[in-house]
Amino acid sequence: MRALEPALQALALSVEVQPDQNWNSALNQIETKLRAMQKSTHGPEDEHWASEAVLQLRAIKNAWRNRAMHGVVRYGEDDAVRIFESVKFFMQTLALRLTE
């Protein structure tokens, strides 16, 4: 989950959101900006990318990050593999449009 923090910061900066907030606040602002990326102004590929990125990050945050970072649950090996694959897919999605 800590590996996602630089990704969240990069995504926030790419849409002109200050990344120094908690995850939920930053993600809400990022979602607002990404949802504004429409076919008519940004093109269908950018709109698709933005929709996918925000969906993946919100799902990761709600399904795994909150519970792990707040000490609610410990994950086993099978869970860790699923989480890793989801995070990997999210990072690959970001890499299509963002750079360091």
PDB file of N, CA and C in Angstrom:
ATOM      1  N   MET A   1       0.816  -1.189   0.000  1.00  0.00           N
ATOM      2  CA  MET A   1       0.000   0.000   0.000  1.00  0.00           C
ATOM      3  C   MET A   1       0.867   1.263   0.000  1.00  0.00           C
ATOM      4  N   ARG A   2       2.003   1.185   0.673  1.00  0.00           N
ATOM      5  CA  ARG A   2       2.891   2.358   0.695  1.00  0.00           C
ATOM      6  C   ARG A   2       3.439   2.664  -0.695  1.00  0.00           C
ATOM      7  N   ALA A   3       3.568   1.651  -1.525  1.00  0.00           N
ATOM      8  CA  ALA A   3       4.058   1.868  -2.893  1.00  0.00           C
ATOM      9  C   ALA A   3       3.088   2.699  -3.708  1.00  0.00           C
ATOM     10  N   LEU A   4       1.836   2.740  -3.304  1.00  0.00           N
ATOM     11  CA  LEU A   4       0.842   3.518  -4.027  1.00  0.00           C
ATOM     12  C   LEU A   4       0.912   5.010  -3.734  1.00  0.00           C
ATOM     13  N   GLU A   5       1.563   5.384  -2.651  1.00  0.00           N
ATOM     14  CA  GLU A   5       1.603   6.800  -2.294  1.00  0.00           C
ATOM     15  C   GLU A   5       2.287   7.667  -3.353  1.00  0.00           C
ATOM     16  N   PRO A   6       3.456   7.283  -3.892  1.00  0.00           N
ATOM     17  CA  PRO A   6       4.036   8.087  -4.976  1.00  0.00           C
ATOM     18  C   PRO A   6       3.147   8.092  -6.228  1.00  0.00           C
ATOM     19  N   ALA A   7       2.463   6.994  -6.483  1.00  0.00           N
ATOM     20  CA  ALA A   7       1.558   6.938  -7.636  1.00  0.00           C
ATOM     21  C   ALA A   7       0.391   7.896  -7.434  1.00  0.00           C
ATOM     22  N   LEU A   8      -0.147   7.928  -6.232  1.00  0.00           N
ATOM     23  CA  LEU A   8      -1.236   8.848  -5.921  1.00  0.00           C
ATOM     24  C   LEU A   8      -0.759  10.293  -6.068  1.00  0.00           C
ATOM     25  N   GLN A   9       0.447  10.573  -5.598  1.00  0.00           N
ATOM     26  CA  GLN A   9       1.001  11.925  -5.729  1.00  0.00           C
ATOM     27  C   GLN A   9       1.177  12.313  -7.194  1.00  0.00           C
ATOM     28  N   ALA A  10       1.719  11.401  -7.987  1.00  0.00           N
ATOM     29  CA  ALA A  10       1.922  11.685  -9.411  1.00  0.00           C
ATOM     30  C   ALA A  10       0.596  11.921 -10.116  1.00  0.00           C
ATOM     31  N   LEU A  11      -0.393  11.098  -9.811  1.00  0.00           N
ATOM     32  CA  LEU A  11      -1.704  11.256 -10.414  1.00  0.00           C
ATOM     33  C   LEU A  11      -2.320  12.588  -9.989  1.00  0.00           C
ATOM     34  N   ALA A  12      -2.199  12.930  -8.716  1.00  0.00           N
ATOM     35  CA  ALA A  12      -2.736  14.202  -8.220  1.00  0.00           C
ATOM     36  C   ALA A  12      -2.078  15.379  -8.928  1.00  0.00           C
ATOM     37  N   LEU A  13      -0.765  15.377  -8.997  1.00  0.00           N
ATOM     38  CA  LEU A  13      -0.048  16.479  -9.645  1.00  0.00           C
ATOM     39  C   LEU A  13      -0.392  16.590 -11.127  1.00  0.00           C
ATOM     40  N   SER A  14      -0.647  15.456 -11.761  1.00  0.00           N
ATOM     41  CA  SER A  14      -0.970  15.480 -13.195  1.00  0.00           C
ATOM     42  C   SER A  14      -2.305  16.160 -13.469  1.00  0.00           C
ATOM     43  N   VAL A  15      -3.179  16.227 -12.459  1.00  0.00           N
ATOM     44  CA  VAL A  15      -4.471  16.893 -12.636  1.00  0.00           C
ATOM     45  C   VAL A  15      -4.587  18.144 -11.754  1.00  0.00           C
ATOM     46  N   GLU A  16      -3.423  18.623 -11.286  1.00  0.00           N
ATOM     47  CA  GLU A  16      -3.325  19.863 -10.521  1.00  0.00           C
ATOM     48  C   GLU A  16      -4.081  19.824  -9.193  1.00  0.00           C
ATOM     49  N   VAL A  17      -3.912  18.719  -8.470  1.00  0.00           N
ATOM     50  CA  VAL A  17      -4.452  18.562  -7.124  1.00  0.00           C
ATOM     51  C   VAL A  17      -3.274  18.452  -6.173  1.00  0.00           C
ATOM     52  N   GLN A  18      -3.337  19.133  -5.023  1.00  0.00           N
ATOM     53  CA  GLN A  18      -2.271  19.043  -4.042  1.00  0.00           C
ATOM     54  C   GLN A  18      -2.278  17.650  -3.411  1.00  0.00           C
ATOM     55  N   PRO A  19      -1.159  16.908  -3.502  1.00  0.00           N
ATOM     56  CA  PRO A  19      -1.128  15.527  -3.026  1.00  0.00           C
ATOM     57  C   PRO A  19      -0.860  15.358  -1.534  1.00  0.00           C
ATOM     58  N   ASP A  20      -0.742  16.438  -0.787  1.00  0.00           N
ATOM     59  CA  ASP A  20      -0.345  16.310   0.615  1.00  0.00           C
ATOM     60  C   ASP A  20      -1.538  16.143   1.557  1.00  0.00           C
ATOM     61  N   GLN A  21      -2.631  15.652   1.051  1.00  0.00           N
ATOM     62  CA  GLN A  21      -3.820  15.426   1.861  1.00  0.00           C
ATOM     63  C   GLN A  21      -3.954  13.942   2.160  1.00  0.00           C
ATOM     64  N   ASN A  22      -4.975  13.603   2.958  1.00  0.00           N
ATOM     65  CA  ASN A  22      -5.203  12.176   3.172  1.00  0.00           C
ATOM     66  C   ASN A  22      -5.733  11.563   1.879  1.00  0.00           C
ATOM     67  N   TRP A  23      -5.666  10.252   1.791  1.00  0.00           N
ATOM     68  CA  TRP A  23      -6.023   9.553   0.558  1.00  0.00           C
ATOM     69  C   TRP A  23      -7.429   9.893   0.087  1.00  0.00           C
ATOM     70  N   ASN A  24      -8.374   9.892   0.997  1.00  0.00           N
ATOM     71  CA  ASN A  24      -9.761  10.091   0.592  1.00  0.00           C
ATOM     72  C   ASN A  24      -9.980  11.485   0.017  1.00  0.00           C
ATOM     73  N   SER A  25      -9.444  12.499   0.676  1.00  0.00           N
ATOM     74  CA  SER A  25      -9.595  13.869   0.171  1.00  0.00           C
ATOM     75  C   SER A  25      -8.933  14.033  -1.184  1.00  0.00           C
ATOM     76  N   ALA A  26      -7.715  13.534  -1.291  1.00  0.00           N
ATOM     77  CA  ALA A  26      -7.002  13.638  -2.567  1.00  0.00           C
ATOM     78  C   ALA A  26      -7.736  12.879  -3.659  1.00  0.00           C
ATOM     79  N   LEU A  27      -8.185  11.683  -3.340  1.00  0.00           N
ATOM     80  CA  LEU A  27      -8.870  10.873  -4.340  1.00  0.00           C
ATOM     81  C   LEU A  27     -10.180  11.518  -4.782  1.00  0.00           C
ATOM     82  N   ASN A  28     -10.909  12.123  -3.864  1.00  0.00           N
ATOM     83  CA  ASN A  28     -12.142  12.817  -4.238  1.00  0.00           C
ATOM     84  C   ASN A  28     -11.855  13.947  -5.226  1.00  0.00           C
ATOM     85  N   GLN A  29     -10.802  14.715  -4.957  1.00  0.00           N
ATOM     86  CA  GLN A  29     -10.448  15.812  -5.858  1.00  0.00           C
ATOM     87  C   GLN A  29      -9.934  15.293  -7.196  1.00  0.00           C
ATOM     88  N   ILE A  30      -9.142  14.221  -7.158  1.00  0.00           N
ATOM     89  CA  ILE A  30      -8.636  13.617  -8.394  1.00  0.00           C
ATOM     90  C   ILE A  30      -9.805  13.106  -9.232  1.00  0.00           C
ATOM     91  N   GLU A  31     -10.755  12.431  -8.584  1.00  0.00           N
ATOM     92  CA  GLU A  31     -11.924  11.914  -9.299  1.00  0.00           C
ATOM     93  C   GLU A  31     -12.682  13.028  -9.999  1.00  0.00           C
ATOM     94  N   THR A  32     -12.854  14.143  -9.313  1.00  0.00           N
ATOM     95  CA  THR A  32     -13.561  15.278  -9.906  1.00  0.00           C
ATOM     96  C   THR A  32     -12.850  15.742 -11.172  1.00  0.00           C
ATOM     97  N   LYS A  33     -11.525  15.868 -11.095  1.00  0.00           N
ATOM     98  CA  LYS A  33     -10.751  16.307 -12.261  1.00  0.00           C
ATOM     99  C   LYS A  33     -10.781  15.280 -13.384  1.00  0.00           C
ATOM    100  N   LEU A  34     -10.624  13.993 -13.035  1.00  0.00           N
ATOM    101  CA  LEU A  34     -10.592  12.957 -14.063  1.00  0.00           C
ATOM    102  C   LEU A  34     -11.950  12.793 -14.738  1.00  0.00           C
ATOM    103  N   ARG A  35     -13.012  12.949 -13.968  1.00  0.00           N
ATOM    104  CA  ARG A  35     -14.348  12.840 -14.575  1.00  0.00           C
ATOM    105  C   ARG A  35     -14.626  13.968 -15.548  1.00  0.00           C
ATOM    106  N   ALA A  36     -13.901  15.071 -15.395  1.00  0.00           N
ATOM    107  CA  ALA A  36     -14.062  16.191 -16.318  1.00  0.00           C
ATOM    108  C   ALA A  36     -13.398  15.909 -17.667  1.00  0.00           C
ATOM    109  N   MET A  37     -12.570  14.861 -17.712  1.00  0.00           N
ATOM    110  CA  MET A  37     -11.919  14.490 -18.978  1.00  0.00           C
ATOM    111  C   MET A  37     -12.952  13.769 -19.843  1.00  0.00           C
ATOM    112  N   GLN A  38     -13.507  14.486 -20.784  1.00  0.00           N
ATOM    113  CA  GLN A  38     -14.556  13.939 -21.621  1.00  0.00           C
ATOM    114  C   GLN A  38     -14.076  13.763 -23.047  1.00  0.00           C
ATOM    115  N   LYS A  39     -14.777  12.924 -23.762  1.00  0.00           N
ATOM    116  CA  LYS A  39     -14.437  12.665 -25.162  1.00  0.00           C
ATOM    117  C   LYS A  39     -14.353  13.953 -25.963  1.00  0.00           C
ATOM    118  N   SER A  40     -15.285  14.845 -25.725  1.00  0.00           N
ATOM    119  CA  SER A  40     -15.373  16.061 -26.538  1.00  0.00           C
ATOM    120  C   SER A  40     -14.171  16.985 -26.372  1.00  0.00           C
ATOM    121  N   THR A  41     -13.553  16.980 -25.200  1.00  0.00           N
ATOM    122  CA  THR A  41     -12.437  17.901 -24.974  1.00  0.00           C
ATOM    123  C   THR A  41     -11.075  17.225 -24.907  1.00  0.00           C
ATOM    124  N   HIS A  42     -11.025  15.979 -24.456  1.00  0.00           N
ATOM    125  CA  HIS A  42      -9.747  15.304 -24.266  1.00  0.00           C
ATOM    126  C   HIS A  42      -9.552  14.108 -25.191  1.00  0.00           C
ATOM    127  N   GLY A  43     -10.601  13.678 -25.824  1.00  0.00           N
ATOM    128  CA  GLY A  43     -10.524  12.507 -26.686  1.00  0.00           C
ATOM    129  C   GLY A  43     -10.954  11.249 -25.957  1.00  0.00           C
ATOM    130  N   PRO A  44     -11.427  10.269 -26.707  1.00  0.00           N
ATOM    131  CA  PRO A  44     -11.951   9.048 -26.080  1.00  0.00           C
ATOM    132  C   PRO A  44     -10.899   8.234 -25.334  1.00  0.00           C
ATOM    133  N   GLU A  45      -9.667   8.230 -25.808  1.00  0.00           N
ATOM    134  CA  GLU A  45      -8.625   7.447 -25.132  1.00  0.00           C
ATOM    135  C   GLU A  45      -8.271   8.041 -23.771  1.00  0.00           C
ATOM    136  N   ASP A  46      -8.174   9.358 -23.681  1.00  0.00           N
ATOM    137  CA  ASP A  46      -7.890   9.999 -22.396  1.00  0.00           C
ATOM    138  C   ASP A  46      -9.048   9.796 -21.428  1.00  0.00           C
ATOM    139  N   GLU A  47     -10.264   9.897 -21.926  1.00  0.00           N
ATOM    140  CA  GLU A  47     -11.424   9.683 -21.061  1.00  0.00           C
ATOM    141  C   GLU A  47     -11.435   8.254 -20.519  1.00  0.00           C
ATOM    142  N   HIS A  48     -11.136   7.285 -21.379  1.00  0.00           N
ATOM    143  CA  HIS A  48     -11.093   5.890 -20.959  1.00  0.00           C
ATOM    144  C   HIS A  48      -9.990   5.672 -19.923  1.00  0.00           C
ATOM    145  N   TRP A  49      -8.813   6.205 -20.184  1.00  0.00           N
ATOM    146  CA  TRP A  49      -7.696   6.070 -19.247  1.00  0.00           C
ATOM    147  C   TRP A  49      -8.050   6.660 -17.883  1.00  0.00           C
ATOM    148  N   ALA A  50      -8.610   7.857 -17.876  1.00  0.00           N
ATOM    149  CA  ALA A  50      -8.960   8.520 -16.621  1.00  0.00           C
ATOM    150  C   ALA A  50      -9.995   7.718 -15.844  1.00  0.00           C
ATOM    151  N   SER A  51     -10.987   7.206 -16.527  1.00  0.00           N
ATOM    152  CA  SER A  51     -12.026   6.410 -15.869  1.00  0.00           C
ATOM    153  C   SER A  51     -11.441   5.151 -15.252  1.00  0.00           C
ATOM    154  N   GLU A  52     -10.558   4.504 -15.989  1.00  0.00           N
ATOM    155  CA  GLU A  52      -9.940   3.276 -15.501  1.00  0.00           C
ATOM    156  C   GLU A  52      -9.045   3.546 -14.291  1.00  0.00           C
ATOM    157  N   ALA A  53      -8.255   4.592 -14.360  1.00  0.00           N
ATOM    158  CA  ALA A  53      -7.330   4.911 -13.267  1.00  0.00           C
ATOM    159  C   ALA A  53      -8.071   5.195 -11.972  1.00  0.00           C
ATOM    160  N   VAL A  54      -9.092   6.014 -12.044  1.00  0.00           N
ATOM    161  CA  VAL A  54      -9.809   6.377 -10.824  1.00  0.00           C
ATOM    162  C   VAL A  54     -10.596   5.193 -10.274  1.00  0.00           C
ATOM    163  N   LEU A  55     -11.152   4.388 -11.125  1.00  0.00           N
ATOM    164  CA  LEU A  55     -11.881   3.199 -10.683  1.00  0.00           C
ATOM    165  C   LEU A  55     -10.949   2.244  -9.948  1.00  0.00           C
ATOM    166  N   GLN A  56      -9.783   2.001 -10.512  1.00  0.00           N
ATOM    167  CA  GLN A  56      -8.833   1.069  -9.908  1.00  0.00           C
ATOM    168  C   GLN A  56      -8.339   1.570  -8.554  1.00  0.00           C
ATOM    169  N   LEU A  57      -7.984   2.852  -8.487  1.00  0.00           N
ATOM    170  CA  LEU A  57      -7.445   3.370  -7.235  1.00  0.00           C
ATOM    171  C   LEU A  57      -8.509   3.379  -6.139  1.00  0.00           C
ATOM    172  N   ARG A  58      -9.715   3.766  -6.461  1.00  0.00           N
ATOM    173  CA  ARG A  58     -10.798   3.771  -5.467  1.00  0.00           C
ATOM    174  C   ARG A  58     -11.059   2.346  -4.970  1.00  0.00           C
ATOM    175  N   ALA A  59     -11.055   1.379  -5.891  1.00  0.00           N
ATOM    176  CA  ALA A  59     -11.304  -0.011  -5.498  1.00  0.00           C
ATOM    177  C   ALA A  59     -10.199  -0.527  -4.577  1.00  0.00           C
ATOM    178  N   ILE A  60      -8.957  -0.242  -4.913  1.00  0.00           N
ATOM    179  CA  ILE A  60      -7.834  -0.671  -4.072  1.00  0.00           C
ATOM    180  C   ILE A  60      -7.935  -0.036  -2.692  1.00  0.00           C
ATOM    181  N   LYS A  61      -8.199   1.259  -2.658  1.00  0.00           N
ATOM    182  CA  LYS A  61      -8.313   1.973  -1.380  1.00  0.00           C
ATOM    183  C   LYS A  61      -9.417   1.375  -0.523  1.00  0.00           C
ATOM    184  N   ASN A  62     -10.591   1.211  -1.097  1.00  0.00           N
ATOM    185  CA  ASN A  62     -11.732   0.744  -0.307  1.00  0.00           C
ATOM    186  C   ASN A  62     -11.636  -0.734   0.063  1.00  0.00           C
ATOM    187  N   ALA A  63     -11.135  -1.551  -0.842  1.00  0.00           N
ATOM    188  CA  ALA A  63     -11.089  -2.989  -0.587  1.00  0.00           C
ATOM    189  C   ALA A  63      -9.946  -3.391   0.334  1.00  0.00           C
ATOM    190  N   TRP A  64      -8.781  -2.774   0.188  1.00  0.00           N
ATOM    191  CA  TRP A  64      -7.613  -3.262   0.915  1.00  0.00           C
ATOM    192  C   TRP A  64      -6.856  -2.218   1.718  1.00  0.00           C
ATOM    193  N   ARG A  65      -6.629  -1.063   1.170  1.00  0.00           N
ATOM    194  CA  ARG A  65      -5.759  -0.082   1.807  1.00  0.00           C
ATOM    195  C   ARG A  65      -6.303   0.367   3.158  1.00  0.00           C
ATOM    196  N   ASN A  66      -7.559   0.768   3.209  1.00  0.00           N
ATOM    197  CA  ASN A  66      -8.118   1.277   4.471  1.00  0.00           C
ATOM    198  C   ASN A  66      -8.017   0.257   5.592  1.00  0.00           C
ATOM    199  N   ARG A  67      -8.396  -0.966   5.291  1.00  0.00           N
ATOM    200  CA  ARG A  67      -8.405  -2.007   6.322  1.00  0.00           C
ATOM    201  C   ARG A  67      -6.990  -2.365   6.783  1.00  0.00           C
ATOM    202  N   ALA A  68      -6.049  -2.404   5.860  1.00  0.00           N
ATOM    203  CA  ALA A  68      -4.676  -2.758   6.227  1.00  0.00           C
ATOM    204  C   ALA A  68      -3.979  -1.628   6.987  1.00  0.00           C
ATOM    205  N   MET A  69      -4.120  -0.408   6.507  1.00  0.00           N
ATOM    206  CA  MET A  69      -3.404   0.718   7.109  1.00  0.00           C
ATOM    207  C   MET A  69      -3.974   1.110   8.471  1.00  0.00           C
ATOM    208  N   HIS A  70      -5.196   0.728   8.752  1.00  0.00           N
ATOM    209  CA  HIS A  70      -5.807   1.064  10.031  1.00  0.00           C
ATOM    210  C   HIS A  70      -5.842  -0.132  10.979  1.00  0.00           C
ATOM    211  N   GLY A  71      -5.101  -1.173  10.637  1.00  0.00           N
ATOM    212  CA  GLY A  71      -4.926  -2.311  11.520  1.00  0.00           C
ATOM    213  C   GLY A  71      -6.159  -3.172  11.726  1.00  0.00           C
ATOM    214  N   VAL A  72      -7.104  -3.109  10.818  1.00  0.00           N
ATOM    215  CA  VAL A  72      -8.335  -3.880  10.957  1.00  0.00           C
ATOM    216  C   VAL A  72      -8.129  -5.344  10.586  1.00  0.00           C
ATOM    217  N   VAL A  73      -7.235  -5.596   9.646  1.00  0.00           N
ATOM    218  CA  VAL A  73      -7.080  -6.949   9.132  1.00  0.00           C
ATOM    219  C   VAL A  73      -5.623  -7.204   8.734  1.00  0.00           C
ATOM    220  N   ARG A  74      -5.263  -8.475   8.762  1.00  0.00           N
ATOM    221  CA  ARG A  74      -3.971  -8.915   8.224  1.00  0.00           C
ATOM    222  C   ARG A  74      -4.287  -9.851   7.078  1.00  0.00           C
ATOM    223  N   TYR A  75      -3.548  -9.711   6.004  1.00  0.00           N
ATOM    224  CA  TYR A  75      -3.821 -10.495   4.809  1.00  0.00           C
ATOM    225  C   TYR A  75      -2.883 -11.691   4.710  1.00  0.00           C
ATOM    226  N   GLY A  76      -3.412 -12.784   4.188  1.00  0.00           N
ATOM    227  CA  GLY A  76      -2.632 -13.985   3.953  1.00  0.00           C
ATOM    228  C   GLY A  76      -2.002 -13.955   2.572  1.00  0.00           C
ATOM    229  N   GLU A  77      -1.324 -15.043   2.231  1.00  0.00           N
ATOM    230  CA  GLU A  77      -0.588 -15.109   0.968  1.00  0.00           C
ATOM    231  C   GLU A  77      -1.500 -14.975  -0.243  1.00  0.00           C
ATOM    232  N   ASP A  78      -2.621 -15.664  -0.262  1.00  0.00           N
ATOM    233  CA  ASP A  78      -3.537 -15.572  -1.406  1.00  0.00           C
ATOM    234  C   ASP A  78      -4.067 -14.150  -1.576  1.00  0.00           C
ATOM    235  N   ASP A  79      -4.406 -13.519  -0.451  1.00  0.00           N
ATOM    236  CA  ASP A  79      -4.866 -12.127  -0.507  1.00  0.00           C
ATOM    237  C   ASP A  79      -3.766 -11.223  -1.044  1.00  0.00           C
ATOM    238  N   ALA A  80      -2.548 -11.446  -0.577  1.00  0.00           N
ATOM    239  CA  ALA A  80      -1.420 -10.626  -0.999  1.00  0.00           C
ATOM    240  C   ALA A  80      -1.204 -10.717  -2.508  1.00  0.00           C
ATOM    241  N   VAL A  81      -1.363 -11.893  -3.065  1.00  0.00           N
ATOM    242  CA  VAL A  81      -1.200 -12.063  -4.518  1.00  0.00           C
ATOM    243  C   VAL A  81      -2.282 -11.269  -5.254  1.00  0.00           C
ATOM    244  N   ARG A  82      -3.525 -11.364  -4.807  1.00  0.00           N
ATOM    245  CA  ARG A  82      -4.622 -10.611  -5.446  1.00  0.00           C
ATOM    246  C   ARG A  82      -4.379  -9.109  -5.355  1.00  0.00           C
ATOM    247  N   ILE A  83      -3.960  -8.655  -4.191  1.00  0.00           N
ATOM    248  CA  ILE A  83      -3.695  -7.230  -4.001  1.00  0.00           C
ATOM    249  C   ILE A  83      -2.544  -6.789  -4.893  1.00  0.00           C
ATOM    250  N   PHE A  84      -1.478  -7.580  -4.916  1.00  0.00           N
ATOM    251  CA  PHE A  84      -0.317  -7.252  -5.751  1.00  0.00           C
ATOM    252  C   PHE A  84      -0.723  -7.124  -7.212  1.00  0.00           C
ATOM    253  N   GLU A  85      -1.508  -8.060  -7.705  1.00  0.00           N
ATOM    254  CA  GLU A  85      -1.927  -8.026  -9.111  1.00  0.00           C
ATOM    255  C   GLU A  85      -2.795  -6.798  -9.399  1.00  0.00           C
ATOM    256  N   SER A  86      -3.646  -6.434  -8.472  1.00  0.00           N
ATOM    257  CA  SER A  86      -4.487  -5.247  -8.663  1.00  0.00           C
ATOM    258  C   SER A  86      -3.652  -3.972  -8.673  1.00  0.00           C
ATOM    259  N   VAL A  87      -2.707  -3.887  -7.749  1.00  0.00           N
ATOM    260  CA  VAL A  87      -1.830  -2.722  -7.698  1.00  0.00           C
ATOM    261  C   VAL A  87      -0.962  -2.663  -8.951  1.00  0.00           C
ATOM    262  N   LYS A  88      -0.472  -3.799  -9.389  1.00  0.00           N
ATOM    263  CA  LYS A  88       0.333  -3.867 -10.615  1.00  0.00           C
ATOM    264  C   LYS A  88      -0.460  -3.337 -11.807  1.00  0.00           C
ATOM    265  N   PHE A  89      -1.707  -3.747 -11.941  1.00  0.00           N
ATOM    266  CA  PHE A  89      -2.554  -3.297 -13.040  1.00  0.00           C
ATOM    267  C   PHE A  89      -2.777  -1.788 -12.959  1.00  0.00           C
ATOM    268  N   PHE A  90      -3.002  -1.274 -11.754  1.00  0.00           N
ATOM    269  CA  PHE A  90      -3.173   0.164 -11.576  1.00  0.00           C
ATOM    270  C   PHE A  90      -1.911   0.916 -11.989  1.00  0.00           C
ATOM    271  N   MET A  91      -0.759   0.447 -11.549  1.00  0.00           N
ATOM    272  CA  MET A  91       0.508   1.100 -11.898  1.00  0.00           C
ATOM    273  C   MET A  91       0.742   1.074 -13.411  1.00  0.00           C
ATOM    274  N   GLN A  92       0.395  -0.031 -14.049  1.00  0.00           N
ATOM    275  CA  GLN A  92       0.535  -0.116 -15.507  1.00  0.00           C
ATOM    276  C   GLN A  92      -0.398   0.877 -16.186  1.00  0.00           C
ATOM    277  N   THR A  93      -1.586   1.044 -15.648  1.00  0.00           N
ATOM    278  CA  THR A  93      -2.516   2.034 -16.208  1.00  0.00           C
ATOM    279  C   THR A  93      -1.931   3.430 -16.096  1.00  0.00           C
ATOM    280  N   LEU A  94      -1.392   3.790 -14.927  1.00  0.00           N
ATOM    281  CA  LEU A  94      -0.788   5.106 -14.759  1.00  0.00           C
ATOM    282  C   LEU A  94       0.387   5.303 -15.695  1.00  0.00           C
ATOM    283  N   ALA A  95       1.174   4.273 -15.878  1.00  0.00           N
ATOM    284  CA  ALA A  95       2.369   4.375 -16.717  1.00  0.00           C
ATOM    285  C   ALA A  95       2.044   4.687 -18.186  1.00  0.00           C
ATOM    286  N   LEU A  96       0.822   4.428 -18.584  1.00  0.00           N
ATOM    287  CA  LEU A  96       0.427   4.748 -19.960  1.00  0.00           C
ATOM    288  C   LEU A  96       0.401   6.249 -20.212  1.00  0.00           C
ATOM    289  N   ARG A  97       0.193   7.046 -19.152  1.00  0.00           N
ATOM    290  CA  ARG A  97       0.051   8.492 -19.336  1.00  0.00           C
ATOM    291  C   ARG A  97       0.978   9.346 -18.472  1.00  0.00           C
ATOM    292  N   LEU A  98       1.469   8.801 -17.368  1.00  0.00           N
ATOM    293  CA  LEU A  98       2.285   9.606 -16.456  1.00  0.00           C
ATOM    294  C   LEU A  98       3.752   9.231 -16.535  1.00  0.00           C
ATOM    295  N   THR A  99       4.597  10.187 -16.217  1.00  0.00           N
ATOM    296  CA  THR A  99       6.026   9.923 -16.115  1.00  0.00           C
ATOM    297  C   THR A  99       6.481  10.338 -14.724  1.00  0.00           C
ATOM    298  N   GLU A 100       7.702   9.996 -14.389  1.00  0.00           N
ATOM    299  CA  GLU A 100       8.226  10.371 -13.079  1.00  0.00           C
ATOM    300  C   GLU A 100       8.254  11.863 -13.003  1.00  0.00           C
TER     301      GLU A 100
END
